[in-house]
Amino acid sequence: MKISVYTNIDRDLSRDTACEVADILRAAGALDCIYEDGKDRNLEISNLDCDVLIAIGGDGTMLKAVSYAARHGIPIFGINTGTVGFLTEVGRDSLKSNLNKVIGGVYFIEERAMLKARDISGEYYALNEVVIACNSCHVAEIKVEIDGTLSDNIRADGVLVCTPTGSTAYSLSCNGPVLSPDVNAFVVNSICPHSLHACPMVIGSDSVVKLSCNNRDIKLIVDGKNISYPETPYSVEISRAEFNAKFIRLDKQNFYNRLLQKLSYWSV
């Protein structure tokens, strides 16, 4: 088995954990490559070729790693060295025993739907959400079309479309509903709406959402990363990606119990 490691070397704990993981994989003859990411590096894994990608860090690191692994059909195993770690599978405890399970193939794959955003400049993929929003303290006017039909005209700081995975991220902070990962649906949600009637919409995962905006000073955000500051008028089409993210899971976990445990972190 060929296993690659992806980590953010700017974080000491992630770097130290990556060294420990690499030693275990090397001893088992499974280490393929170590990809180091950081603020001084513009990392692009253009020819990722392994059986498993191990991502070490928090959810931000996981989101970047997924964007590389999913398009290659490579399953990803997350080791949390961050805070909440919604997307990661294990912490730093019992590293050797957990890694031996991965090396031995003692795991199952959980697939998660992803989004594809397409505008005039190209295509982008998201595990959590795609957002268009104002880049300044102004209210944007955003037209929402679903499957070619006008759904709403929203005055807000922005509008997001999220997957079930992303329903526990930015959308949740905007009072969006939580979707179980096995629900074939997406959420269209407004960000700080200037309205008395605005509410999130749950739509089928086969739907195509088009967001259009004529305001100046807007930005496109994909999984928390500012992608562009396009000229207006601007529009972006958002649909289900042609591939899923694949996560390595060692144990069956109840989604709602896991959600409660993770969200309780902020209540302590």
C-alpha atoms as a PDB file:
ATOM      1  CA  MET A   1       0.000   0.000   0.000  1.00  0.00           C
ATOM      2  CA  LYS A   2       1.222   3.488  -0.926  1.00  0.00           C
ATOM      3  CA  ILE A   3       0.319   6.138   1.643  1.00  0.00           C
ATOM      4  CA  SER A   4       1.106   9.844   1.311  1.00  0.00           C
ATOM      5  CA  VAL A   5       1.065  12.398   4.133  1.00  0.00           C
ATOM      6  CA  TYR A   6      -0.187  15.986   3.878  1.00  0.00           C
ATOM      7  CA  THR A   7       0.386  18.493   6.671  1.00  0.00           C
ATOM      8  CA  ASN A   8       0.747  22.183   7.504  1.00  0.00           C
ATOM      9  CA  ILE A   9       4.335  22.622   8.628  1.00  0.00           C
ATOM     10  CA  ASP A  10       3.619  26.076  10.073  1.00  0.00           C
ATOM     11  CA  ARG A  11       1.917  24.362  13.026  1.00  0.00           C
ATOM     12  CA  ASP A  12       4.378  22.720  15.390  1.00  0.00           C
ATOM     13  CA  LEU A  13       1.988  20.017  16.571  1.00  0.00           C
ATOM     14  CA  SER A  14       1.097  19.072  13.009  1.00  0.00           C
ATOM     15  CA  ARG A  15       4.754  18.957  12.010  1.00  0.00           C
ATOM     16  CA  ASP A  16       5.725  16.794  14.990  1.00  0.00           C
ATOM     17  CA  THR A  17       2.791  14.446  14.392  1.00  0.00           C
ATOM     18  CA  ALA A  18       3.696  14.181  10.703  1.00  0.00           C
ATOM     19  CA  CYS A  19       7.216  13.072  11.633  1.00  0.00           C
ATOM     20  CA  GLU A  20       5.805  10.421  13.960  1.00  0.00           C
ATOM     21  CA  VAL A  21       3.343   9.207  11.329  1.00  0.00           C
ATOM     22  CA  ALA A  22       6.073   9.104   8.676  1.00  0.00           C
ATOM     23  CA  ASP A  23       8.276   6.955  10.943  1.00  0.00           C
ATOM     24  CA  ILE A  24       5.452   4.447  11.480  1.00  0.00           C
ATOM     25  CA  LEU A  25       4.624   4.280   7.766  1.00  0.00           C
ATOM     26  CA  ARG A  26       8.295   4.042   6.787  1.00  0.00           C
ATOM     27  CA  ALA A  27       8.842   1.135   9.153  1.00  0.00           C
ATOM     28  CA  ALA A  28       5.896  -0.663   7.554  1.00  0.00           C
ATOM     29  CA  GLY A  29       7.165   0.075   4.036  1.00  0.00           C
ATOM     30  CA  ALA A  30       4.032   2.071   3.234  1.00  0.00           C
ATOM     31  CA  LEU A  31       5.290   5.670   3.068  1.00  0.00           C
ATOM     32  CA  ASP A  32       5.043   7.100  -0.429  1.00  0.00           C
ATOM     33  CA  CYS A  33       5.491  10.871  -0.124  1.00  0.00           C
ATOM     34  CA  ILE A  34       5.208  13.756   2.353  1.00  0.00           C
ATOM     35  CA  TYR A  35       3.518  16.944   1.141  1.00  0.00           C
ATOM     36  CA  GLU A  36       4.295  20.001   3.255  1.00  0.00           C
ATOM     37  CA  ASP A  37       2.020  23.018   3.118  1.00  0.00           C
ATOM     38  CA  GLY A  38       2.464  26.394   4.779  1.00  0.00           C
ATOM     39  CA  LYS A  39       2.124  30.133   4.382  1.00  0.00           C
ATOM     40  CA  ASP A  40       5.398  30.347   2.453  1.00  0.00           C
ATOM     41  CA  ARG A  41       4.499  27.513   0.123  1.00  0.00           C
ATOM     42  CA  ASN A  42       2.025  27.419  -2.727  1.00  0.00           C
ATOM     43  CA  LEU A  43       1.407  23.689  -2.717  1.00  0.00           C
ATOM     44  CA  GLU A  44      -0.248  21.998  -5.651  1.00  0.00           C
ATOM     45  CA  ILE A  45      -0.475  18.217  -5.693  1.00  0.00           C
ATOM     46  CA  SER A  46      -0.912  17.868  -9.419  1.00  0.00           C
ATOM     47  CA  ASN A  47       0.101  14.213  -9.781  1.00  0.00           C
ATOM     48  CA  LEU A  48      -1.153  12.649  -6.575  1.00  0.00           C
ATOM     49  CA  ASP A  49      -0.663   8.899  -6.954  1.00  0.00           C
ATOM     50  CA  CYS A  50      -1.210   6.826  -3.816  1.00  0.00           C
ATOM     51  CA  ASP A  51      -3.742   4.477  -2.255  1.00  0.00           C
ATOM     52  CA  VAL A  52      -4.459   6.655   0.803  1.00  0.00           C
ATOM     53  CA  LEU A  53      -3.782  10.283   1.714  1.00  0.00           C
ATOM     54  CA  ILE A  54      -3.307  11.035   5.412  1.00  0.00           C
ATOM     55  CA  ALA A  55      -4.074  14.643   6.351  1.00  0.00           C
ATOM     56  CA  ILE A  56      -2.672  15.957   9.626  1.00  0.00           C
ATOM     57  CA  GLY A  57      -4.108  19.174  11.072  1.00  0.00           C
ATOM     58  CA  GLY A  58      -7.517  20.743  11.610  1.00  0.00           C
ATOM     59  CA  ASP A  59     -10.558  21.095   9.397  1.00  0.00           C
ATOM     60  CA  GLY A  60      -8.825  23.734   7.247  1.00  0.00           C
ATOM     61  CA  THR A  61      -6.066  21.289   6.394  1.00  0.00           C
ATOM     62  CA  MET A  62      -8.650  18.603   5.707  1.00  0.00           C
ATOM     63  CA  LEU A  63     -10.548  20.849   3.291  1.00  0.00           C
ATOM     64  CA  LYS A  64      -7.390  21.561   1.316  1.00  0.00           C
ATOM     65  CA  ALA A  65      -6.400  17.899   1.276  1.00  0.00           C
ATOM     66  CA  VAL A  66      -9.869  16.813   0.137  1.00  0.00           C
ATOM     67  CA  SER A  67      -9.714  19.180  -2.822  1.00  0.00           C
ATOM     68  CA  TYR A  68      -6.669  17.253  -4.055  1.00  0.00           C
ATOM     69  CA  ALA A  69      -7.677  13.717  -3.097  1.00  0.00           C
ATOM     70  CA  ALA A  70     -11.317  13.687  -4.224  1.00  0.00           C
ATOM     71  CA  ARG A  71     -10.635  14.479  -7.867  1.00  0.00           C
ATOM     72  CA  HIS A  72      -8.161  11.573  -7.948  1.00  0.00           C
ATOM     73  CA  GLY A  73     -10.587   9.192  -6.222  1.00  0.00           C
ATOM     74  CA  ILE A  74      -8.181   8.743  -3.298  1.00  0.00           C
ATOM     75  CA  PRO A  75      -9.598   8.136   0.199  1.00  0.00           C
ATOM     76  CA  ILE A  76      -8.411  10.449   2.952  1.00  0.00           C
ATOM     77  CA  PHE A  77      -7.678   9.701   6.601  1.00  0.00           C
ATOM     78  CA  GLY A  78      -7.700  12.683   8.975  1.00  0.00           C
ATOM     79  CA  ILE A  79      -5.607  13.004  12.129  1.00  0.00           C
ATOM     80  CA  ASN A  80      -6.728  15.960  14.224  1.00  0.00           C
ATOM     81  CA  THR A  81      -4.136  18.337  15.670  1.00  0.00           C
ATOM     82  CA  GLY A  82      -6.503  21.312  15.549  1.00  0.00           C
ATOM     83  CA  THR A  83      -9.466  22.190  17.759  1.00  0.00           C
ATOM     84  CA  VAL A  84     -12.884  20.786  16.833  1.00  0.00           C
ATOM     85  CA  GLY A  85     -11.920  18.484  13.969  1.00  0.00           C
ATOM     86  CA  PHE A  86     -15.337  17.777  12.429  1.00  0.00           C
ATOM     87  CA  LEU A  87     -13.790  16.145   9.382  1.00  0.00           C
ATOM     88  CA  THR A  88     -10.929  14.226  10.954  1.00  0.00           C
ATOM     89  CA  GLU A  89     -11.256  10.626  12.113  1.00  0.00           C
ATOM     90  CA  VAL A  90      -8.858  10.311  15.050  1.00  0.00           C
ATOM     91  CA  GLY A  91      -6.667  12.359  17.370  1.00  0.00           C
ATOM     92  CA  ARG A  92      -3.008  11.865  18.234  1.00  0.00           C
ATOM     93  CA  ASP A  93      -3.783   9.084  20.722  1.00  0.00           C
ATOM     94  CA  SER A  94      -3.041   5.491  19.662  1.00  0.00           C
ATOM     95  CA  LEU A  95      -1.395   6.621  16.438  1.00  0.00           C
ATOM     96  CA  LYS A  96       0.402   3.352  15.791  1.00  0.00           C
ATOM     97  CA  SER A  97      -2.613   1.096  16.290  1.00  0.00           C
ATOM     98  CA  ASN A  98      -4.843   3.340  14.170  1.00  0.00           C
ATOM     99  CA  LEU A  99      -2.278   3.588  11.386  1.00  0.00           C
ATOM    100  CA  ASN A 100      -1.794  -0.180  11.416  1.00  0.00           C
ATOM    101  CA  LYS A 101      -5.526  -0.521  10.720  1.00  0.00           C
ATOM    102  CA  VAL A 102      -5.180   1.817   7.727  1.00  0.00           C
ATOM    103  CA  ILE A 103      -2.088  -0.005   6.465  1.00  0.00           C
ATOM    104  CA  GLY A 104      -3.877  -3.336   6.853  1.00  0.00           C
ATOM    105  CA  GLY A 105      -7.046  -2.121   5.114  1.00  0.00           C
ATOM    106  CA  VAL A 106      -9.158  -2.570   8.248  1.00  0.00           C
ATOM    107  CA  TYR A 107     -11.517   0.313   7.560  1.00  0.00           C
ATOM    108  CA  PHE A 108     -14.533   1.336   5.508  1.00  0.00           C
ATOM    109  CA  ILE A 109     -15.112   4.275   3.165  1.00  0.00           C
ATOM    110  CA  GLU A 110     -17.684   6.984   3.804  1.00  0.00           C
ATOM    111  CA  GLU A 111     -18.499   9.097   0.763  1.00  0.00           C
ATOM    112  CA  ARG A 112     -19.581  12.721   1.006  1.00  0.00           C
ATOM    113  CA  ALA A 113     -21.141  14.812  -1.755  1.00  0.00           C
ATOM    114  CA  MET A 114     -19.214  17.792  -3.119  1.00  0.00           C
ATOM    115  CA  LEU A 115     -20.184  20.929  -5.020  1.00  0.00           C
ATOM    116  CA  LYS A 116     -18.918  22.253  -8.335  1.00  0.00           C
ATOM    117  CA  ALA A 117     -18.985  26.013  -8.903  1.00  0.00           C
ATOM    118  CA  ARG A 118     -18.568  27.246 -12.456  1.00  0.00           C
ATOM    119  CA  ASP A 119     -18.177  30.827 -13.585  1.00  0.00           C
ATOM    120  CA  ILE A 120     -16.540  32.618 -16.499  1.00  0.00           C
ATOM    121  CA  SER A 121     -13.059  32.045 -15.061  1.00  0.00           C
ATOM    122  CA  GLY A 122     -13.245  28.303 -14.429  1.00  0.00           C
ATOM    123  CA  GLU A 123     -14.465  25.478 -12.188  1.00  0.00           C
ATOM    124  CA  TYR A 124     -13.992  25.070  -8.443  1.00  0.00           C
ATOM    125  CA  TYR A 125     -14.877  22.258  -6.049  1.00  0.00           C
ATOM    126  CA  ALA A 126     -16.111  22.458  -2.466  1.00  0.00           C
ATOM    127  CA  LEU A 127     -16.813  19.953   0.280  1.00  0.00           C
ATOM    128  CA  ASN A 128     -18.544  22.497   2.552  1.00  0.00           C
ATOM    129  CA  GLU A 129     -19.908  25.513   0.728  1.00  0.00           C
ATOM    130  CA  VAL A 130     -19.714  28.040  -2.091  1.00  0.00           C
ATOM    131  CA  VAL A 131     -20.356  31.694  -1.182  1.00  0.00           C
ATOM    132  CA  ILE A 132     -20.740  34.969  -2.999  1.00  0.00           C
ATOM    133  CA  ALA A 133     -20.640  37.940  -0.661  1.00  0.00           C
ATOM    134  CA  CYS A 134     -19.856  41.622  -0.435  1.00  0.00           C
ATOM    135  CA  ASN A 135     -16.244  42.423   0.322  1.00  0.00           C
ATOM    136  CA  SER A 136     -17.261  45.502   2.286  1.00  0.00           C
ATOM    137  CA  CYS A 137     -19.971  46.536   4.736  1.00  0.00           C
ATOM    138  CA  HIS A 138     -22.707  46.824   2.136  1.00  0.00           C
ATOM    139  CA  VAL A 139     -25.836  44.848   1.449  1.00  0.00           C
ATOM    140  CA  ALA A 140     -25.695  42.844  -1.772  1.00  0.00           C
ATOM    141  CA  GLU A 141     -28.674  42.121  -3.990  1.00  0.00           C
ATOM    142  CA  ILE A 142     -28.399  38.520  -5.144  1.00  0.00           C
ATOM    143  CA  LYS A 143     -30.744  36.722  -7.509  1.00  0.00           C
ATOM    144  CA  VAL A 144     -31.196  33.015  -6.810  1.00  0.00           C
ATOM    145  CA  GLU A 145     -32.333  30.730  -9.628  1.00  0.00           C
ATOM    146  CA  ILE A 146     -32.923  27.015  -9.116  1.00  0.00           C
ATOM    147  CA  ASP A 147     -33.086  24.819 -12.206  1.00  0.00           C
ATOM    148  CA  GLY A 148     -33.551  27.895 -14.381  1.00  0.00           C
ATOM    149  CA  THR A 149     -36.438  29.337 -12.381  1.00  0.00           C
ATOM    150  CA  LEU A 150     -36.281  32.443 -10.209  1.00  0.00           C
ATOM    151  CA  SER A 151     -36.436  31.377  -6.583  1.00  0.00           C
ATOM    152  CA  ASP A 152     -35.700  34.559  -4.659  1.00  0.00           C
ATOM    153  CA  ASN A 153     -34.128  38.005  -4.737  1.00  0.00           C
ATOM    154  CA  ILE A 154     -32.115  38.301  -1.561  1.00  0.00           C
ATOM    155  CA  ARG A 155     -30.715  41.410   0.092  1.00  0.00           C
ATOM    156  CA  ALA A 156     -27.967  40.232   2.425  1.00  0.00           C
ATOM    157  CA  ASP A 157     -24.246  40.214   3.086  1.00  0.00           C
ATOM    158  CA  GLY A 158     -24.116  37.178   0.836  1.00  0.00           C
ATOM    159  CA  VAL A 159     -25.622  33.843  -0.153  1.00  0.00           C
ATOM    160  CA  LEU A 160     -24.156  30.371   0.298  1.00  0.00           C
ATOM    161  CA  VAL A 161     -24.897  26.940  -1.079  1.00  0.00           C
ATOM    162  CA  CYS A 162     -23.711  24.070   1.104  1.00  0.00           C
ATOM    163  CA  THR A 163     -23.572  20.291   1.166  1.00  0.00           C
ATOM    164  CA  PRO A 164     -24.794  18.166   4.092  1.00  0.00           C
ATOM    165  CA  THR A 165     -21.187  18.169   5.306  1.00  0.00           C
ATOM    166  CA  GLY A 166     -21.138  21.969   5.108  1.00  0.00           C
ATOM    167  CA  SER A 167     -24.458  22.269   6.912  1.00  0.00           C
ATOM    168  CA  THR A 168     -22.552  22.072  10.220  1.00  0.00           C
ATOM    169  CA  ALA A 169     -20.090  24.786   9.149  1.00  0.00           C
ATOM    170  CA  TYR A 170     -20.730  28.359   7.940  1.00  0.00           C
ATOM    171  CA  SER A 171     -24.396  27.679   7.170  1.00  0.00           C
ATOM    172  CA  LEU A 172     -25.041  26.573  10.751  1.00  0.00           C
ATOM    173  CA  SER A 173     -23.825  29.949  12.018  1.00  0.00           C
ATOM    174  CA  CYS A 174     -26.378  31.511   9.652  1.00  0.00           C
ATOM    175  CA  ASN A 175     -29.203  29.537  11.317  1.00  0.00           C
ATOM    176  CA  GLY A 176     -29.252  26.923   8.587  1.00  0.00           C
ATOM    177  CA  PRO A 177     -30.564  23.392   9.152  1.00  0.00           C
ATOM    178  CA  VAL A 178     -28.264  20.472   9.936  1.00  0.00           C
ATOM    179  CA  LEU A 179     -28.421  17.733   7.301  1.00  0.00           C
ATOM    180  CA  SER A 180     -27.281  14.182   7.881  1.00  0.00           C
ATOM    181  CA  PRO A 181     -24.466  13.258   5.445  1.00  0.00           C
ATOM    182  CA  ASP A 182     -26.652  10.587   3.819  1.00  0.00           C
ATOM    183  CA  VAL A 183     -29.348  13.086   2.788  1.00  0.00           C
ATOM    184  CA  ASN A 184     -29.317  13.828  -0.936  1.00  0.00           C
ATOM    185  CA  ALA A 185     -29.867  17.553  -0.606  1.00  0.00           C
ATOM    186  CA  PHE A 186     -28.135  20.917  -0.504  1.00  0.00           C
ATOM    187  CA  VAL A 187     -28.951  24.100   1.410  1.00  0.00           C
ATOM    188  CA  VAL A 188     -29.294  27.614  -0.034  1.00  0.00           C
ATOM    189  CA  ASN A 189     -28.876  30.095   2.790  1.00  0.00           C
ATOM    190  CA  SER A 190     -28.515  33.853   3.136  1.00  0.00           C
ATOM    191  CA  ILE A 191     -25.839  35.529   5.241  1.00  0.00           C
ATOM    192  CA  CYS A 192     -27.148  38.296   7.529  1.00  0.00           C
ATOM    193  CA  PRO A 193     -30.269  38.938   5.406  1.00  0.00           C
ATOM    194  CA  HIS A 194     -31.840  42.388   5.378  1.00  0.00           C
ATOM    195  CA  SER A 195     -35.323  40.902   5.372  1.00  0.00           C
ATOM    196  CA  LEU A 196     -38.151  39.747   7.611  1.00  0.00           C
ATOM    197  CA  HIS A 197     -38.947  36.658   5.534  1.00  0.00           C
ATOM    198  CA  ALA A 198     -35.583  35.224   4.456  1.00  0.00           C
ATOM    199  CA  CYS A 199     -35.133  31.579   5.365  1.00  0.00           C
ATOM    200  CA  PRO A 200     -32.844  28.760   4.215  1.00  0.00           C
ATOM    201  CA  MET A 201     -34.047  26.418   1.479  1.00  0.00           C
ATOM    202  CA  VAL A 202     -33.308  22.702   1.281  1.00  0.00           C
ATOM    203  CA  ILE A 203     -33.129  21.566  -2.345  1.00  0.00           C
ATOM    204  CA  GLY A 204     -32.475  18.306  -4.148  1.00  0.00           C
ATOM    205  CA  SER A 205     -28.836  17.442  -4.807  1.00  0.00           C
ATOM    206  CA  ASP A 206     -29.520  17.157  -8.554  1.00  0.00           C
ATOM    207  CA  SER A 207     -30.589  20.809  -8.724  1.00  0.00           C
ATOM    208  CA  VAL A 208     -28.509  23.540 -10.336  1.00  0.00           C
ATOM    209  CA  VAL A 209     -28.328  26.846  -8.475  1.00  0.00           C
ATOM    210  CA  LYS A 210     -27.390  30.074 -10.223  1.00  0.00           C
ATOM    211  CA  LEU A 211     -26.408  33.079  -8.113  1.00  0.00           C
ATOM    212  CA  SER A 212     -26.233  36.472  -9.841  1.00  0.00           C
ATOM    213  CA  CYS A 213     -25.201  39.839  -8.472  1.00  0.00           C
ATOM    214  CA  ASN A 214     -24.766  43.327  -9.942  1.00  0.00           C
ATOM    215  CA  ASN A 215     -23.159  44.884  -6.880  1.00  0.00           C
ATOM    216  CA  ARG A 216     -19.598  46.080  -7.008  1.00  0.00           C
ATOM    217  CA  ASP A 217     -16.964  44.764  -4.618  1.00  0.00           C
ATOM    218  CA  ILE A 218     -18.091  41.159  -4.322  1.00  0.00           C
ATOM    219  CA  LYS A 219     -16.062  37.996  -3.860  1.00  0.00           C
ATOM    220  CA  LEU A 220     -16.333  34.288  -4.534  1.00  0.00           C
ATOM    221  CA  ILE A 221     -15.435  32.051  -1.589  1.00  0.00           C
ATOM    222  CA  VAL A 222     -15.000  28.281  -1.873  1.00  0.00           C
ATOM    223  CA  ASP A 223     -14.583  26.297   1.351  1.00  0.00           C
ATOM    224  CA  GLY A 224     -13.458  29.404   3.216  1.00  0.00           C
ATOM    225  CA  LYS A 225     -10.882  30.451   0.631  1.00  0.00           C
ATOM    226  CA  ASN A 226     -11.237  33.720  -1.285  1.00  0.00           C
ATOM    227  CA  ILE A 227     -11.070  32.608  -4.911  1.00  0.00           C
ATOM    228  CA  SER A 228     -11.684  35.828  -6.830  1.00  0.00           C
ATOM    229  CA  TYR A 229     -13.024  39.381  -6.730  1.00  0.00           C
ATOM    230  CA  PRO A 230     -14.933  39.329 -10.013  1.00  0.00           C
ATOM    231  CA  GLU A 231     -16.209  42.204 -12.049  1.00  0.00           C
ATOM    232  CA  THR A 232     -19.949  42.703 -12.157  1.00  0.00           C
ATOM    233  CA  PRO A 233     -22.446  41.752 -13.373  1.00  0.00           C
ATOM    234  CA  TYR A 234     -21.409  38.368 -12.021  1.00  0.00           C
ATOM    235  CA  SER A 235     -23.001  34.929 -11.947  1.00  0.00           C
ATOM    236  CA  VAL A 236     -21.925  31.478 -10.813  1.00  0.00           C
ATOM    237  CA  GLU A 237     -23.598  28.109 -11.350  1.00  0.00           C
ATOM    238  CA  ILE A 238     -23.424  25.591  -8.516  1.00  0.00           C
ATOM    239  CA  SER A 239     -24.234  21.917  -8.916  1.00  0.00           C
ATOM    240  CA  ARG A 240     -23.256  18.544  -7.523  1.00  0.00           C
ATOM    241  CA  ALA A 241     -19.707  17.536  -8.421  1.00  0.00           C
ATOM    242  CA  GLU A 242     -19.168  14.489 -10.590  1.00  0.00           C
ATOM    243  CA  PHE A 243     -17.167  12.825  -7.814  1.00  0.00           C
ATOM    244  CA  ASN A 244     -17.489  12.410  -4.043  1.00  0.00           C
ATOM    245  CA  ALA A 245     -15.017  12.918  -1.247  1.00  0.00           C
ATOM    246  CA  LYS A 246     -13.966   9.609   0.309  1.00  0.00           C
ATOM    247  CA  PHE A 247     -13.179   9.434   4.019  1.00  0.00           C
ATOM    248  CA  ILE A 248     -11.575   6.493   5.786  1.00  0.00           C
ATOM    249  CA  ARG A 249     -13.533   5.518   8.897  1.00  0.00           C
ATOM    250  CA  LEU A 250     -12.340   3.035  11.492  1.00  0.00           C
ATOM    251  CA  ASP A 251     -15.553   2.731  13.485  1.00  0.00           C
ATOM    252  CA  LYS A 252     -19.250   3.273  12.927  1.00  0.00           C
ATOM    253  CA  GLN A 253     -20.334   6.470  14.658  1.00  0.00           C
ATOM    254  CA  ASN A 254     -23.749   7.993  15.131  1.00  0.00           C
ATOM    255  CA  PHE A 255     -23.717  11.297  13.248  1.00  0.00           C
ATOM    256  CA  TYR A 256     -25.891  13.132  15.781  1.00  0.00           C
ATOM    257  CA  ASN A 257     -23.877  11.950  18.757  1.00  0.00           C
ATOM    258  CA  ARG A 258     -20.669  13.009  17.035  1.00  0.00           C
ATOM    259  CA  LEU A 259     -22.242  16.384  16.244  1.00  0.00           C
ATOM    260  CA  LEU A 260     -23.219  16.867  19.883  1.00  0.00           C
ATOM    261  CA  GLN A 261     -19.695  16.015  21.056  1.00  0.00           C
ATOM    262  CA  LYS A 262     -18.059  18.395  18.594  1.00  0.00           C
ATOM    263  CA  LEU A 263     -20.424  21.307  19.189  1.00  0.00           C
ATOM    264  CA  SER A 264     -20.084  20.865  22.957  1.00  0.00           C
ATOM    265  CA  TYR A 265     -16.471  21.971  22.562  1.00  0.00           C
ATOM    266  CA  TRP A 266     -17.672  25.565  22.185  1.00  0.00           C
ATOM    267  CA  SER A 267     -20.018  25.287  25.190  1.00  0.00           C
ATOM    268  CA  VAL A 268     -17.316  24.450  27.728  1.00  0.00           C
END
